[in-house]
């Protein structure tokens, strides 16, 4: 969606005004319109209750609608900052290998390729495995959504 110069200036002004109110508030105000379920999930979470805001996991580079690619996708290393033992447990378990297993057998169980991707096919579980930065970058090209992170 393209914006006029005036609309872009209004967006920037809006964001600058709310920056002083705290980064989480800026994120929440915009994302209530864009991804309201993610906002409500965060508001109900222990992260919200413990003052862990969006920037802790997604960085502080994404501030406007026009710079969405600057938002970082959390990796297990991001989570390990606070959850070191759980990340170690995940990496040593079978779920960490789920992505590699799906990529190694792209036509598993005689399923058509169309059923391999997304939440209903093999990708429903197998997209949770560990991914390299290059793989995450490639997945982001297909659009936002399920299975981009590790």
N, C-alpha and C. Protein backbone atom coordinates (compact mmCIF):
# COMPACT_ATOMS: atom_id res chain seq x y z
N UNK A 1 0.84 -1.16 0.00
CA UNK A 1 0.00 0.00 0.00
C UNK A 1 0.89 1.24 0.00
N UNK A 2 0.69 2.13 -0.92
CA UNK A 2 1.47 3.36 -1.04
C UNK A 2 0.76 4.48 -0.30
N UNK A 3 1.53 5.33 0.33
CA UNK A 3 0.99 6.47 1.06
C UNK A 3 1.47 7.76 0.40
N UNK A 4 0.65 8.80 0.53
CA UNK A 4 1.07 10.11 0.07
C UNK A 4 2.13 10.65 1.02
N UNK A 5 2.83 11.67 0.60
CA UNK A 5 3.84 12.30 1.46
C UNK A 5 3.19 12.79 2.74
N UNK A 6 2.01 13.36 2.64
CA UNK A 6 1.29 13.87 3.81
C UNK A 6 0.97 12.72 4.78
N UNK A 7 0.46 11.61 4.25
CA UNK A 7 0.15 10.46 5.10
C UNK A 7 1.41 9.93 5.77
N UNK A 8 2.49 9.85 5.04
CA UNK A 8 3.75 9.37 5.60
C UNK A 8 4.20 10.30 6.73
N UNK A 9 4.09 11.61 6.52
CA UNK A 9 4.47 12.57 7.56
C UNK A 9 3.59 12.41 8.80
N UNK A 10 2.30 12.17 8.62
CA UNK A 10 1.41 11.95 9.75
C UNK A 10 1.79 10.70 10.52
N UNK A 11 2.14 9.64 9.81
CA UNK A 11 2.56 8.40 10.44
C UNK A 11 3.82 8.63 11.26
N UNK A 12 4.79 9.32 10.68
CA UNK A 12 6.05 9.61 11.39
C UNK A 12 5.76 10.47 12.62
N UNK A 13 4.93 11.49 12.48
CA UNK A 13 4.59 12.35 13.61
C UNK A 13 3.90 11.55 14.71
N UNK A 14 2.95 10.72 14.33
CA UNK A 14 2.26 9.87 15.30
C UNK A 14 3.27 9.02 16.07
N UNK A 15 4.17 8.39 15.34
CA UNK A 15 5.17 7.53 15.99
C UNK A 15 6.11 8.33 16.89
N UNK A 16 6.51 9.52 16.47
CA UNK A 16 7.40 10.33 17.29
C UNK A 16 6.72 10.77 18.59
N UNK A 17 5.44 11.07 18.51
CA UNK A 17 4.69 11.47 19.71
C UNK A 17 4.63 10.32 20.70
N UNK A 18 4.35 9.11 20.20
CA UNK A 18 4.19 7.98 21.09
C UNK A 18 5.49 7.36 21.54
N UNK A 19 6.62 7.69 20.91
CA UNK A 19 7.90 7.13 21.33
C UNK A 19 8.17 7.49 22.78
N UNK A 20 7.82 8.71 23.19
CA UNK A 20 8.05 9.11 24.57
C UNK A 20 7.17 8.33 25.54
N UNK A 21 6.08 7.73 25.06
CA UNK A 21 5.20 6.96 25.92
C UNK A 21 5.72 5.56 26.15
N UNK A 22 6.79 5.17 25.51
CA UNK A 22 7.34 3.83 25.67
C UNK A 22 7.19 3.03 24.40
N UNK A 23 8.20 2.23 24.11
CA UNK A 23 8.20 1.49 22.85
C UNK A 23 7.05 0.51 22.75
N UNK A 24 6.68 -0.14 23.84
CA UNK A 24 5.57 -1.09 23.77
C UNK A 24 4.29 -0.39 23.37
N UNK A 25 4.06 0.80 23.88
CA UNK A 25 2.84 1.54 23.56
C UNK A 25 2.78 1.89 22.08
N UNK A 26 3.90 2.26 21.50
CA UNK A 26 3.94 2.57 20.07
C UNK A 26 3.57 1.33 19.28
N UNK A 27 4.18 0.22 19.63
CA UNK A 27 3.90 -1.04 18.93
C UNK A 27 2.43 -1.42 19.07
N UNK A 28 1.93 -1.34 20.29
CA UNK A 28 0.55 -1.75 20.57
C UNK A 28 -0.44 -0.92 19.78
N UNK A 29 -0.26 0.39 19.76
CA UNK A 29 -1.21 1.27 19.06
C UNK A 29 -1.32 0.92 17.58
N UNK A 30 -0.20 0.67 16.93
CA UNK A 30 -0.22 0.34 15.51
C UNK A 30 -0.70 -1.09 15.30
N UNK A 31 -0.15 -2.02 16.07
CA UNK A 31 -0.46 -3.44 15.85
C UNK A 31 -1.86 -3.84 16.30
N UNK A 32 -2.54 -3.01 17.07
CA UNK A 32 -3.95 -3.27 17.38
C UNK A 32 -4.76 -3.25 16.09
N UNK A 33 -4.30 -2.45 15.12
CA UNK A 33 -5.00 -2.35 13.84
C UNK A 33 -4.50 -3.40 12.85
N UNK A 34 -3.22 -3.74 12.92
CA UNK A 34 -2.60 -4.61 11.93
C UNK A 34 -2.68 -6.09 12.33
N UNK A 35 -2.30 -6.38 13.56
CA UNK A 35 -2.29 -7.76 14.07
C UNK A 35 -2.88 -7.80 15.48
N UNK A 36 -4.20 -7.56 15.60
CA UNK A 36 -4.81 -7.45 16.93
C UNK A 36 -4.70 -8.71 17.78
N UNK A 37 -4.71 -9.88 17.18
CA UNK A 37 -4.61 -11.11 17.98
C UNK A 37 -3.23 -11.27 18.60
N UNK A 38 -2.21 -10.84 17.89
CA UNK A 38 -0.85 -10.90 18.45
C UNK A 38 -0.76 -9.95 19.65
N UNK A 39 -1.36 -8.77 19.53
CA UNK A 39 -1.35 -7.81 20.64
C UNK A 39 -2.07 -8.40 21.85
N UNK A 40 -3.25 -8.96 21.64
CA UNK A 40 -3.99 -9.51 22.79
C UNK A 40 -3.26 -10.70 23.40
N UNK A 41 -2.61 -11.53 22.57
CA UNK A 41 -1.80 -12.64 23.12
C UNK A 41 -0.69 -12.10 24.01
N UNK A 42 0.00 -11.05 23.54
CA UNK A 42 1.08 -10.46 24.32
C UNK A 42 0.54 -9.84 25.61
N UNK A 43 -0.59 -9.14 25.52
CA UNK A 43 -1.15 -8.49 26.70
C UNK A 43 -1.52 -9.50 27.78
N UNK A 44 -1.89 -10.71 27.39
CA UNK A 44 -2.25 -11.76 28.35
C UNK A 44 -1.05 -12.57 28.82
N UNK A 45 0.09 -12.34 28.20
CA UNK A 45 1.26 -13.18 28.46
C UNK A 45 2.05 -12.77 29.70
N UNK A 46 2.90 -13.69 30.15
CA UNK A 46 3.82 -13.39 31.24
C UNK A 46 4.84 -12.35 30.81
N UNK A 47 5.16 -12.31 29.51
CA UNK A 47 6.09 -11.28 29.02
C UNK A 47 5.53 -9.90 29.34
N UNK A 48 4.28 -9.66 29.01
CA UNK A 48 3.66 -8.36 29.28
C UNK A 48 3.63 -8.08 30.78
N UNK A 49 3.25 -9.07 31.56
CA UNK A 49 3.18 -8.91 33.02
C UNK A 49 4.54 -8.59 33.63
N UNK A 50 5.60 -9.06 32.99
CA UNK A 50 6.96 -8.83 33.49
C UNK A 50 7.68 -7.70 32.77
N UNK A 51 6.91 -6.86 32.07
CA UNK A 51 7.45 -5.67 31.38
C UNK A 51 8.45 -6.02 30.28
N UNK A 52 8.28 -7.18 29.65
CA UNK A 52 9.07 -7.55 28.47
C UNK A 52 8.28 -7.05 27.28
N UNK A 53 8.81 -6.05 26.59
CA UNK A 53 8.05 -5.48 25.49
C UNK A 53 8.57 -5.97 24.14
N UNK A 54 7.97 -5.47 23.09
CA UNK A 54 8.25 -5.92 21.73
C UNK A 54 9.74 -5.82 21.37
N UNK A 55 10.39 -4.74 21.82
CA UNK A 55 11.78 -4.52 21.44
C UNK A 55 12.73 -5.55 22.03
N UNK A 56 12.35 -6.18 23.14
CA UNK A 56 13.22 -7.20 23.73
C UNK A 56 13.41 -8.39 22.79
N UNK A 57 12.41 -8.71 22.01
CA UNK A 57 12.49 -9.86 21.12
C UNK A 57 12.63 -9.47 19.64
N UNK A 58 12.11 -8.32 19.27
CA UNK A 58 12.09 -7.92 17.86
C UNK A 58 13.03 -6.76 17.54
N UNK A 59 13.81 -6.30 18.50
CA UNK A 59 14.73 -5.20 18.28
C UNK A 59 14.00 -3.86 18.27
N UNK A 60 14.76 -2.79 18.10
CA UNK A 60 14.16 -1.46 18.14
C UNK A 60 14.31 -0.70 16.82
N UNK A 61 14.58 -1.41 15.75
CA UNK A 61 14.79 -0.76 14.45
C UNK A 61 13.50 -0.51 13.67
N UNK A 62 12.45 -1.32 13.89
CA UNK A 62 11.17 -1.16 13.20
C UNK A 62 10.32 -0.16 13.99
N UNK A 63 10.06 1.00 13.37
CA UNK A 63 9.31 2.05 14.05
C UNK A 63 8.10 2.53 13.25
N UNK A 64 8.08 2.28 11.95
CA UNK A 64 7.03 2.79 11.08
C UNK A 64 6.53 1.68 10.16
N UNK A 65 5.38 1.90 9.56
CA UNK A 65 4.82 0.90 8.64
C UNK A 65 5.75 0.65 7.47
N UNK A 66 6.52 1.65 7.07
CA UNK A 66 7.37 1.53 5.89
C UNK A 66 8.67 0.77 6.16
N UNK A 67 8.99 0.48 7.42
CA UNK A 67 10.25 -0.20 7.72
C UNK A 67 10.05 -1.57 8.40
N UNK A 68 8.96 -2.23 8.07
CA UNK A 68 8.66 -3.54 8.65
C UNK A 68 9.80 -4.54 8.51
N UNK A 69 10.54 -4.57 7.38
CA UNK A 69 11.64 -5.54 7.29
C UNK A 69 12.72 -5.37 8.36
N UNK A 70 12.73 -4.25 9.05
CA UNK A 70 13.71 -4.04 10.11
C UNK A 70 13.35 -4.77 11.41
N UNK A 71 12.11 -5.24 11.51
CA UNK A 71 11.71 -6.00 12.70
C UNK A 71 12.44 -7.34 12.68
N UNK A 72 13.10 -7.67 13.76
CA UNK A 72 13.86 -8.91 13.84
C UNK A 72 12.93 -10.08 14.16
N UNK A 73 13.18 -11.19 13.51
CA UNK A 73 12.46 -12.42 13.84
C UNK A 73 13.23 -13.07 14.99
N UNK A 74 12.58 -13.33 16.12
CA UNK A 74 13.31 -13.95 17.24
C UNK A 74 13.86 -15.32 16.85
N UNK A 75 15.05 -15.59 17.30
CA UNK A 75 15.70 -16.89 17.10
C UNK A 75 15.82 -17.56 18.47
N UNK A 76 16.19 -18.82 18.50
CA UNK A 76 16.43 -19.44 19.81
C UNK A 76 17.46 -18.67 20.64
N UNK A 77 18.43 -18.05 19.98
CA UNK A 77 19.43 -17.27 20.71
C UNK A 77 18.78 -16.06 21.37
N UNK A 78 17.78 -15.48 20.73
CA UNK A 78 17.03 -14.37 21.33
C UNK A 78 16.35 -14.85 22.60
N UNK A 79 15.70 -15.98 22.51
CA UNK A 79 14.99 -16.53 23.67
C UNK A 79 15.96 -16.93 24.78
N UNK A 80 17.14 -17.40 24.40
CA UNK A 80 18.13 -17.86 25.37
C UNK A 80 18.63 -16.75 26.28
N UNK A 81 18.44 -15.51 25.87
CA UNK A 81 18.83 -14.39 26.71
C UNK A 81 18.17 -14.51 28.08
N UNK A 82 16.93 -14.95 28.11
CA UNK A 82 16.20 -15.12 29.37
C UNK A 82 15.90 -16.58 29.71
N UNK A 83 15.85 -17.43 28.69
CA UNK A 83 15.41 -18.82 28.87
C UNK A 83 16.49 -19.81 28.44
N UNK A 84 17.69 -19.66 28.95
CA UNK A 84 18.83 -20.46 28.50
C UNK A 84 18.59 -21.96 28.65
N UNK A 85 18.08 -22.40 29.77
CA UNK A 85 17.87 -23.84 30.00
C UNK A 85 16.83 -24.41 29.04
N UNK A 86 15.75 -23.68 28.80
CA UNK A 86 14.71 -24.17 27.89
C UNK A 86 15.19 -24.24 26.45
N UNK A 87 15.98 -23.28 26.05
CA UNK A 87 16.52 -23.30 24.68
C UNK A 87 17.50 -24.46 24.52
N UNK A 88 18.31 -24.70 25.52
CA UNK A 88 19.23 -25.84 25.48
C UNK A 88 18.45 -27.15 25.36
N UNK A 89 17.37 -27.26 26.12
CA UNK A 89 16.51 -28.45 26.06
C UNK A 89 15.90 -28.59 24.67
N UNK A 90 15.40 -27.48 24.09
CA UNK A 90 14.81 -27.52 22.75
C UNK A 90 15.83 -27.97 21.72
N UNK A 91 17.02 -27.38 21.76
CA UNK A 91 18.04 -27.70 20.77
C UNK A 91 18.52 -29.14 20.85
N UNK A 92 18.41 -29.75 22.00
CA UNK A 92 18.86 -31.14 22.13
C UNK A 92 17.73 -32.14 21.86
N UNK A 93 16.53 -31.66 21.63
CA UNK A 93 15.39 -32.54 21.38
C UNK A 93 15.06 -32.71 19.91
N UNK A 94 14.10 -33.57 19.65
CA UNK A 94 13.73 -33.88 18.26
C UNK A 94 13.06 -32.71 17.55
N UNK A 95 12.42 -31.80 18.28
CA UNK A 95 11.74 -30.68 17.62
C UNK A 95 12.72 -29.76 16.89
N UNK A 96 13.93 -29.66 17.39
CA UNK A 96 14.92 -28.82 16.73
C UNK A 96 15.26 -29.33 15.33
N UNK A 97 15.10 -30.62 15.11
CA UNK A 97 15.42 -31.23 13.81
C UNK A 97 14.22 -31.29 12.87
N UNK A 98 13.07 -30.80 13.28
CA UNK A 98 11.86 -30.91 12.48
C UNK A 98 11.99 -30.24 11.12
N UNK A 99 12.55 -29.04 11.07
CA UNK A 99 12.71 -28.32 9.80
C UNK A 99 13.64 -29.07 8.86
N UNK A 100 14.77 -29.53 9.39
CA UNK A 100 15.73 -30.27 8.57
C UNK A 100 15.10 -31.55 8.03
N UNK A 101 14.29 -32.22 8.84
CA UNK A 101 13.64 -33.46 8.41
C UNK A 101 12.67 -33.19 7.27
N UNK A 102 11.90 -32.11 7.36
CA UNK A 102 10.95 -31.80 6.30
C UNK A 102 11.68 -31.45 5.00
N UNK A 103 12.77 -30.69 5.12
CA UNK A 103 13.51 -30.31 3.92
C UNK A 103 14.22 -31.52 3.30
N UNK A 104 14.58 -32.49 4.09
CA UNK A 104 15.26 -33.68 3.58
C UNK A 104 14.31 -34.61 2.84
N UNK A 105 13.02 -34.57 3.19
CA UNK A 105 12.03 -35.46 2.56
C UNK A 105 10.84 -34.63 2.08
N UNK A 106 11.01 -33.85 1.03
CA UNK A 106 9.96 -32.92 0.61
C UNK A 106 8.68 -33.55 0.08
N UNK A 107 8.66 -34.84 -0.18
CA UNK A 107 7.42 -35.49 -0.62
C UNK A 107 7.10 -36.66 0.31
N UNK A 108 7.31 -36.47 1.58
CA UNK A 108 7.08 -37.52 2.57
C UNK A 108 5.64 -38.03 2.54
N UNK A 109 5.49 -39.28 2.83
CA UNK A 109 4.17 -39.91 2.98
C UNK A 109 3.27 -39.73 1.77
N UNK A 110 3.85 -39.61 0.62
CA UNK A 110 3.12 -39.52 -0.64
C UNK A 110 2.18 -38.31 -0.70
N UNK A 111 2.44 -37.30 0.07
CA UNK A 111 1.59 -36.11 0.02
C UNK A 111 1.98 -35.25 -1.17
N UNK A 112 1.00 -34.64 -1.82
CA UNK A 112 1.35 -33.67 -2.87
C UNK A 112 2.13 -32.52 -2.24
N UNK A 113 2.99 -31.90 -3.02
CA UNK A 113 3.82 -30.81 -2.52
C UNK A 113 2.97 -29.70 -1.88
N UNK A 114 1.77 -29.46 -2.41
CA UNK A 114 0.91 -28.41 -1.87
C UNK A 114 0.55 -28.66 -0.41
N UNK A 115 0.56 -29.93 0.00
CA UNK A 115 0.20 -30.25 1.38
C UNK A 115 1.40 -30.24 2.32
N UNK A 116 2.58 -29.99 1.80
CA UNK A 116 3.77 -29.98 2.65
C UNK A 116 3.90 -28.67 3.42
N UNK A 117 3.43 -27.58 2.83
CA UNK A 117 3.61 -26.26 3.43
C UNK A 117 2.41 -25.88 4.29
N UNK A 118 2.56 -24.83 5.07
CA UNK A 118 1.45 -24.28 5.83
C UNK A 118 1.14 -25.04 7.09
N UNK A 119 0.05 -24.66 7.72
CA UNK A 119 -0.29 -25.22 9.02
C UNK A 119 -1.01 -26.57 8.94
N UNK A 120 -1.57 -26.92 7.79
CA UNK A 120 -2.33 -28.16 7.70
C UNK A 120 -1.51 -29.32 7.17
N UNK A 121 -0.43 -29.03 6.48
CA UNK A 121 0.42 -30.10 5.96
C UNK A 121 1.55 -30.42 6.92
N UNK A 122 2.58 -31.01 6.42
CA UNK A 122 3.74 -31.37 7.24
C UNK A 122 4.34 -30.15 7.93
N UNK A 123 4.28 -29.01 7.21
CA UNK A 123 4.83 -27.77 7.75
C UNK A 123 4.15 -27.33 9.03
N UNK A 124 2.95 -27.84 9.30
CA UNK A 124 2.25 -27.49 10.53
C UNK A 124 3.07 -27.80 11.77
N UNK A 125 3.83 -28.87 11.72
CA UNK A 125 4.71 -29.21 12.84
C UNK A 125 6.18 -28.99 12.49
N UNK A 126 6.54 -29.32 11.26
CA UNK A 126 7.95 -29.34 10.89
C UNK A 126 8.57 -27.96 10.68
N UNK A 127 7.77 -26.91 10.60
CA UNK A 127 8.35 -25.57 10.46
C UNK A 127 8.90 -25.04 11.78
N UNK A 128 8.75 -25.79 12.88
CA UNK A 128 9.24 -25.31 14.16
C UNK A 128 10.72 -25.56 14.38
N UNK A 129 11.37 -26.30 13.51
CA UNK A 129 12.77 -26.64 13.71
C UNK A 129 13.72 -25.47 13.56
N UNK A 130 14.98 -25.70 13.88
CA UNK A 130 16.01 -24.67 13.77
C UNK A 130 16.25 -24.30 12.32
N UNK A 131 16.40 -23.00 12.07
CA UNK A 131 16.64 -22.49 10.72
C UNK A 131 17.83 -21.56 10.74
N UNK A 132 18.54 -21.51 9.64
CA UNK A 132 19.65 -20.57 9.51
C UNK A 132 19.09 -19.19 9.18
N UNK A 133 19.92 -18.18 9.32
CA UNK A 133 19.50 -16.82 8.96
C UNK A 133 19.11 -16.76 7.49
N UNK A 134 19.84 -17.47 6.64
CA UNK A 134 19.52 -17.49 5.20
C UNK A 134 18.15 -18.11 4.95
N UNK A 135 17.83 -19.18 5.67
CA UNK A 135 16.52 -19.82 5.50
C UNK A 135 15.40 -18.91 5.98
N UNK A 136 15.61 -18.21 7.09
CA UNK A 136 14.62 -17.27 7.60
C UNK A 136 14.40 -16.15 6.59
N UNK A 137 15.48 -15.64 6.02
CA UNK A 137 15.39 -14.58 5.01
C UNK A 137 14.59 -15.05 3.81
N UNK A 138 14.84 -16.27 3.36
CA UNK A 138 14.12 -16.84 2.21
C UNK A 138 12.63 -17.02 2.54
N UNK A 139 12.32 -17.49 3.73
CA UNK A 139 10.92 -17.67 4.13
C UNK A 139 10.19 -16.34 4.22
N UNK A 140 10.87 -15.29 4.66
CA UNK A 140 10.24 -13.97 4.76
C UNK A 140 9.82 -13.45 3.39
N UNK A 141 10.51 -13.87 2.33
CA UNK A 141 10.16 -13.41 0.97
C UNK A 141 8.76 -13.88 0.58
N UNK A 142 8.32 -15.02 1.12
CA UNK A 142 7.01 -15.55 0.78
C UNK A 142 5.90 -14.88 1.59
N UNK A 143 6.27 -13.93 2.42
CA UNK A 143 5.29 -13.18 3.20
C UNK A 143 5.36 -13.51 4.67
N UNK A 144 4.76 -12.66 5.48
CA UNK A 144 4.80 -12.91 6.92
C UNK A 144 3.91 -14.08 7.26
N UNK A 145 4.14 -14.64 8.41
CA UNK A 145 3.24 -15.69 8.83
C UNK A 145 3.94 -16.84 9.52
N UNK A 146 3.19 -17.89 9.65
CA UNK A 146 3.57 -19.06 10.39
C UNK A 146 4.84 -19.70 9.87
N UNK A 147 5.73 -20.07 10.78
CA UNK A 147 6.88 -20.87 10.44
C UNK A 147 8.13 -20.13 10.01
N UNK A 148 8.16 -18.81 10.14
CA UNK A 148 9.36 -18.09 9.73
C UNK A 148 10.46 -18.24 10.77
N UNK A 149 10.12 -18.17 12.04
CA UNK A 149 11.11 -18.27 13.10
C UNK A 149 11.50 -19.73 13.34
N UNK A 150 12.53 -19.92 14.14
CA UNK A 150 12.92 -21.27 14.55
C UNK A 150 12.06 -21.68 15.73
